[in-house]
Amino acid sequence: MADHTEVMKGIHQYPGVRYPVLTPNLQGFHRAVAAGATEISVFGAASESFSKRNINCSIEESMEKFEEVVKSARHMNIPARGYVSCALGCPYEGNITPQKVTEVSKKLYGMGCYEISLGDTTGVGTPGSMKRMLESVMKEIPSSALAVHCHDTYGQALANILTALQMGINVVDSAVSGLGGCPYAKGASGNVATEDLIYMLNGLGLNTGVNLYKVMEAGDFICKAVNKTTNSKVAQASFNARLE
């Protein structure tokens, strides 16, 4: 996040597209706004151990900081999104109870976050654990204010997303080519590949308004730029088909 000013300046921003910036505290919020951010995000966790390693404070301390950030954002009419990491498991504590996820989510929603993204940070979740977690959270927060964020470490991301969709969730986070990961979740792969997600949604007859082939082109570009191999099964299959 140290270079977010340069990143924001380098982005050609299109009308109607949101460019949220992660802001762990009030200082980060003011820097983000100065850099031109028009939406911010606060990122908590349902695990005490992960919270301390990821943002160097307890869950309770993080909520106090986030409340200041969200209050300032609302005062400036800047939308704030909340994230809950380790919603389906923690690399340090193992299983995380749905009730813990619900408690953190409720606090973020109560302070004014318009949407709460529930993250399977280590990708250990299954459709069963996703269902149990969402059932708990949705007792306190409407599905229209929830999103899911699924890493694909164990190949369960699309199955987990399908479960969430069937339960009424209609916002899903993804990453082009499945790039990413987490330095505090050793072995975790990136978020679900946008290409694979769009392919599945197209197959379900859902209109995303996203051009799959343009996303694949973007994925090819960024993978070459960072010297990485795509994690998208759809992109790999398309590439192999072109070689035949």
Protein backbone atom coordinates (compact mmCIF):
# COMPACT_ATOMS: atom_id res chain seq x y z
CA MET A 1 0.00 0.00 0.00
CA ALA A 2 3.02 2.27 0.24
CA ASP A 3 2.88 3.00 -3.49
CA HIS A 4 -0.87 3.51 -3.82
CA THR A 5 -0.41 7.17 -4.79
CA GLU A 6 1.62 6.16 -7.85
CA VAL A 7 -0.88 3.43 -8.67
CA MET A 8 -3.86 5.78 -8.47
CA LYS A 9 -2.13 8.38 -10.62
CA GLY A 10 -1.34 5.74 -13.23
CA ILE A 11 -4.91 4.47 -13.58
CA HIS A 12 -7.09 5.79 -16.37
CA GLN A 13 -10.39 5.88 -14.53
CA TYR A 14 -13.56 5.13 -16.46
CA PRO A 15 -17.00 6.51 -15.54
CA GLY A 16 -19.12 4.03 -13.61
CA VAL A 17 -16.13 1.94 -12.48
CA ARG A 18 -15.16 1.85 -8.82
CA TYR A 19 -11.52 1.90 -7.74
CA PRO A 20 -11.57 1.08 -4.00
CA VAL A 21 -8.45 1.56 -1.91
CA LEU A 22 -7.59 -0.48 1.20
CA THR A 23 -7.29 1.83 4.20
CA PRO A 24 -6.26 0.21 7.52
CA ASN A 25 -6.44 3.41 9.56
CA LEU A 26 -7.30 7.12 9.47
CA GLN A 27 -3.84 8.09 8.22
CA GLY A 28 -4.19 5.66 5.34
CA PHE A 29 -7.66 7.00 4.60
CA HIS A 30 -6.44 10.59 4.27
CA ARG A 31 -3.56 9.49 2.05
CA ALA A 32 -5.96 7.52 -0.13
CA VAL A 33 -8.31 10.48 -0.51
CA ALA A 34 -5.37 12.75 -1.34
CA ALA A 35 -4.38 10.27 -4.04
CA GLY A 36 -7.84 10.52 -5.59
CA ALA A 37 -9.65 7.53 -4.09
CA THR A 38 -13.43 7.69 -4.49
CA GLU A 39 -14.15 4.50 -2.53
CA ILE A 40 -12.32 2.90 0.37
CA SER A 41 -12.21 -0.51 2.02
CA VAL A 42 -11.46 -1.65 5.55
CA PHE A 43 -10.21 -5.19 6.02
CA GLY A 44 -10.78 -7.06 9.23
CA ALA A 45 -10.65 -10.73 10.14
CA ALA A 46 -12.67 -13.33 12.00
CA SER A 47 -9.42 -14.68 13.50
CA GLU A 48 -7.51 -12.92 16.28
CA SER A 49 -4.20 -14.44 15.21
CA PHE A 50 -4.63 -13.45 11.57
CA SER A 51 -5.74 -9.94 12.52
CA LYS A 52 -2.60 -9.40 14.57
CA ARG A 53 -0.33 -10.67 11.81
CA ASN A 54 -2.12 -8.95 8.93
CA ILE A 55 -2.82 -5.50 10.40
CA ASN A 56 -0.91 -5.67 13.69
CA CYS A 57 -3.87 -5.29 16.04
CA SER A 58 -6.62 -7.31 17.69
CA ILE A 59 -10.11 -7.60 16.21
CA GLU A 60 -11.46 -5.17 18.81
CA GLU A 61 -8.69 -2.66 18.11
CA SER A 62 -9.23 -2.98 14.38
CA MET A 63 -12.95 -2.24 14.76
CA GLU A 64 -12.14 0.96 16.65
CA LYS A 65 -9.81 2.08 13.86
CA PHE A 66 -12.26 1.12 11.13
CA GLU A 67 -15.07 3.04 12.81
CA GLU A 68 -12.99 6.22 12.59
CA VAL A 69 -12.22 5.56 8.94
CA VAL A 70 -15.80 4.76 7.94
CA LYS A 71 -17.14 7.75 9.86
CA SER A 72 -14.74 10.05 8.00
CA ALA A 73 -15.61 8.41 4.70
CA ARG A 74 -19.34 8.86 5.25
CA HIS A 75 -18.78 12.51 6.19
CA MET A 76 -17.14 12.97 2.78
CA ASN A 77 -19.77 10.85 0.97
CA ILE A 78 -17.15 8.23 0.12
CA PRO A 79 -18.51 4.65 0.03
CA ALA A 80 -16.82 2.19 2.38
CA ARG A 81 -16.67 -1.56 1.86
CA GLY A 82 -15.80 -4.04 4.60
CA TYR A 83 -13.82 -7.27 4.31
CA VAL A 84 -13.78 -10.21 6.70
CA SER A 85 -10.75 -12.44 6.18
CA CYS A 86 -10.59 -16.08 7.31
CA ALA A 87 -14.37 -16.51 7.09
CA LEU A 88 -14.00 -20.23 6.40
CA GLY A 89 -10.74 -21.04 8.15
CA CYS A 90 -7.49 -19.58 9.47
CA PRO A 91 -3.87 -20.63 8.80
CA TYR A 92 -3.11 -20.17 12.52
CA GLU A 93 -6.32 -21.11 14.34
CA GLY A 94 -7.86 -23.64 11.98
CA ASN A 95 -11.66 -23.70 11.92
CA ILE A 96 -13.49 -20.43 12.45
CA THR A 97 -17.02 -20.57 13.79
CA PRO A 98 -19.80 -19.00 11.70
CA GLN A 99 -20.81 -17.00 14.78
CA LYS A 100 -17.41 -15.28 14.89
CA VAL A 101 -17.74 -14.30 11.23
CA THR A 102 -21.23 -13.00 11.95
CA GLU A 103 -20.04 -10.89 14.89
CA VAL A 104 -17.32 -9.15 12.87
CA SER A 105 -19.56 -8.70 9.83
CA LYS A 106 -22.33 -7.20 11.94
CA LYS A 107 -19.93 -4.64 13.43
CA LEU A 108 -18.67 -3.59 9.99
CA TYR A 109 -22.18 -3.32 8.61
CA GLY A 110 -23.36 -1.44 11.68
CA MET A 111 -20.65 1.20 11.39
CA GLY A 112 -21.73 2.01 7.84
CA CYS A 113 -20.00 -0.30 5.35
CA TYR A 114 -22.39 -0.61 2.41
CA GLU A 115 -21.21 -4.14 1.65
CA ILE A 116 -19.35 -6.89 3.49
CA SER A 117 -17.09 -9.22 1.52
CA LEU A 118 -16.66 -12.59 3.24
CA GLY A 119 -13.27 -14.01 2.39
CA ASP A 120 -12.05 -17.60 2.28
CA THR A 121 -8.50 -16.30 2.58
CA THR A 122 -6.76 -19.67 2.61
CA GLY A 123 -9.14 -21.41 0.21
CA VAL A 124 -9.95 -24.20 2.68
CA GLY A 125 -13.71 -23.75 2.49
CA THR A 126 -16.18 -26.20 0.97
CA PRO A 127 -19.79 -25.74 -0.16
CA GLY A 128 -20.87 -27.14 3.21
CA SER A 129 -18.86 -24.68 5.30
CA MET A 130 -19.84 -21.83 2.96
CA LYS A 131 -23.51 -22.67 3.45
CA ARG A 132 -23.23 -22.81 7.24
CA MET A 133 -21.32 -19.55 7.42
CA LEU A 134 -23.74 -17.68 5.15
CA GLU A 135 -26.76 -19.02 7.00
CA SER A 136 -25.37 -17.47 10.17
CA VAL A 137 -24.35 -14.12 8.68
CA MET A 138 -27.59 -13.71 6.72
CA LYS A 139 -29.57 -13.81 9.95
CA GLU A 140 -28.05 -10.41 10.75
CA ILE A 141 -27.22 -8.88 7.36
CA PRO A 142 -29.31 -8.97 4.16
CA SER A 143 -27.86 -10.91 1.23
CA SER A 144 -27.97 -7.72 -0.85
CA ALA A 145 -25.23 -6.30 1.39
CA LEU A 146 -22.96 -9.35 1.21
CA ALA A 147 -20.29 -10.56 -1.21
CA VAL A 148 -17.99 -13.59 -1.28
CA HIS A 149 -14.26 -13.64 -1.88
CA CYS A 150 -12.98 -17.17 -2.57
CA HIS A 151 -9.38 -18.25 -2.99
CA ASP A 152 -8.88 -21.44 -4.96
CA THR A 153 -6.13 -23.21 -3.00
CA TYR A 154 -8.04 -26.51 -2.82
CA GLY A 155 -9.97 -26.11 -6.06
CA GLN A 156 -13.22 -25.32 -4.24
CA ALA A 157 -13.71 -21.68 -5.21
CA LEU A 158 -16.26 -22.11 -8.01
CA ALA A 159 -18.26 -24.67 -6.03
CA ASN A 160 -18.30 -22.32 -3.05
CA ILE A 161 -19.37 -19.41 -5.24
CA LEU A 162 -22.18 -21.45 -6.78
CA THR A 163 -23.41 -22.26 -3.28
CA ALA A 164 -23.36 -18.56 -2.39
CA LEU A 165 -25.25 -17.65 -5.57
CA GLN A 166 -27.91 -20.24 -4.79
CA MET A 167 -28.31 -18.65 -1.37
CA GLY A 168 -28.95 -15.20 -2.81
CA ILE A 169 -25.49 -13.62 -2.95
CA ASN A 170 -25.02 -11.64 -6.17
CA VAL A 171 -21.58 -10.03 -5.72
CA VAL A 172 -18.41 -12.07 -6.16
CA ASP A 173 -14.79 -10.90 -5.93
CA SER A 174 -12.29 -12.35 -8.41
CA ALA A 175 -8.83 -11.72 -9.84
CA VAL A 176 -7.72 -11.79 -13.46
CA SER A 177 -5.74 -15.00 -14.08
CA GLY A 178 -6.27 -15.95 -10.44
CA LEU A 179 -3.28 -13.84 -9.43
CA GLY A 180 -2.67 -12.88 -5.82
CA GLY A 181 -2.43 -14.68 -2.52
CA CYS A 182 -1.68 -13.60 1.02
CA PRO A 183 1.73 -13.25 2.70
CA TYR A 184 0.20 -14.28 6.04
CA ALA A 185 -1.53 -17.37 4.68
CA LYS A 186 1.34 -19.60 3.58
CA GLY A 187 0.48 -21.80 0.61
CA ALA A 188 -2.74 -19.97 -0.24
CA SER A 189 -3.31 -19.42 -3.94
CA GLY A 190 -4.87 -16.34 -5.48
CA ASN A 191 -8.50 -15.40 -5.67
CA VAL A 192 -10.72 -17.30 -8.10
CA ALA A 193 -9.78 -16.47 -11.70
CA THR A 194 -12.15 -13.94 -13.25
CA GLU A 195 -12.04 -15.88 -16.52
CA ASP A 196 -13.25 -19.08 -14.83
CA LEU A 197 -15.94 -17.23 -12.90
CA ILE A 198 -17.30 -15.50 -16.01
CA TYR A 199 -17.30 -18.80 -17.90
CA MET A 200 -19.37 -20.43 -15.15
CA LEU A 201 -21.78 -17.50 -14.89
CA ASN A 202 -22.26 -17.53 -18.67
CA GLY A 203 -23.07 -21.23 -18.44
CA LEU A 204 -25.70 -20.45 -15.81
CA GLY A 205 -27.31 -17.97 -18.18
CA LEU A 206 -26.43 -14.99 -15.98
CA ASN A 207 -25.70 -11.73 -17.77
CA THR A 208 -22.55 -10.21 -16.29
CA GLY A 209 -21.95 -7.60 -18.97
CA VAL A 210 -18.32 -8.71 -18.99
CA ASN A 211 -16.57 -9.74 -22.21
CA LEU A 212 -14.78 -13.00 -21.39
CA TYR A 213 -12.32 -12.66 -24.25
CA LYS A 214 -11.30 -9.15 -23.23
CA VAL A 215 -10.68 -10.43 -19.70
CA MET A 216 -8.53 -13.22 -21.13
CA GLU A 217 -6.53 -10.64 -23.09
CA ALA A 218 -6.02 -8.62 -19.90
CA GLY A 219 -4.96 -11.78 -18.09
CA ASP A 220 -2.44 -12.64 -20.78
CA PHE A 221 -1.04 -9.11 -20.62
CA ILE A 222 -0.56 -9.00 -16.85
CA CYS A 223 0.87 -12.53 -16.65
CA LYS A 224 3.53 -11.60 -19.18
CA ALA A 225 4.21 -8.34 -17.33
CA VAL A 226 4.82 -10.06 -13.98
CA ASN A 227 6.29 -13.23 -15.49
CA LYS A 228 3.60 -15.52 -14.06
CA THR A 229 1.62 -18.40 -15.52
CA THR A 230 -2.13 -17.95 -15.51
CA ASN A 231 -4.11 -19.90 -12.93
CA SER A 232 -7.24 -19.73 -15.07
CA LYS A 233 -8.38 -23.11 -16.38
CA VAL A 234 -10.44 -21.35 -19.05
CA ALA A 235 -7.46 -19.33 -20.27
CA GLN A 236 -5.25 -22.43 -20.29
CA ALA A 237 -7.82 -24.43 -22.26
CA SER A 238 -8.26 -21.61 -24.76
CA PHE A 239 -4.51 -21.29 -25.22
CA ASN A 240 -4.09 -25.05 -25.73
CA ALA A 241 -6.95 -25.07 -28.25
CA ARG A 242 -5.23 -22.36 -30.28
CA LEU A 243 -2.07 -24.47 -30.40
CA GLU A 244 -3.86 -27.49 -31.86
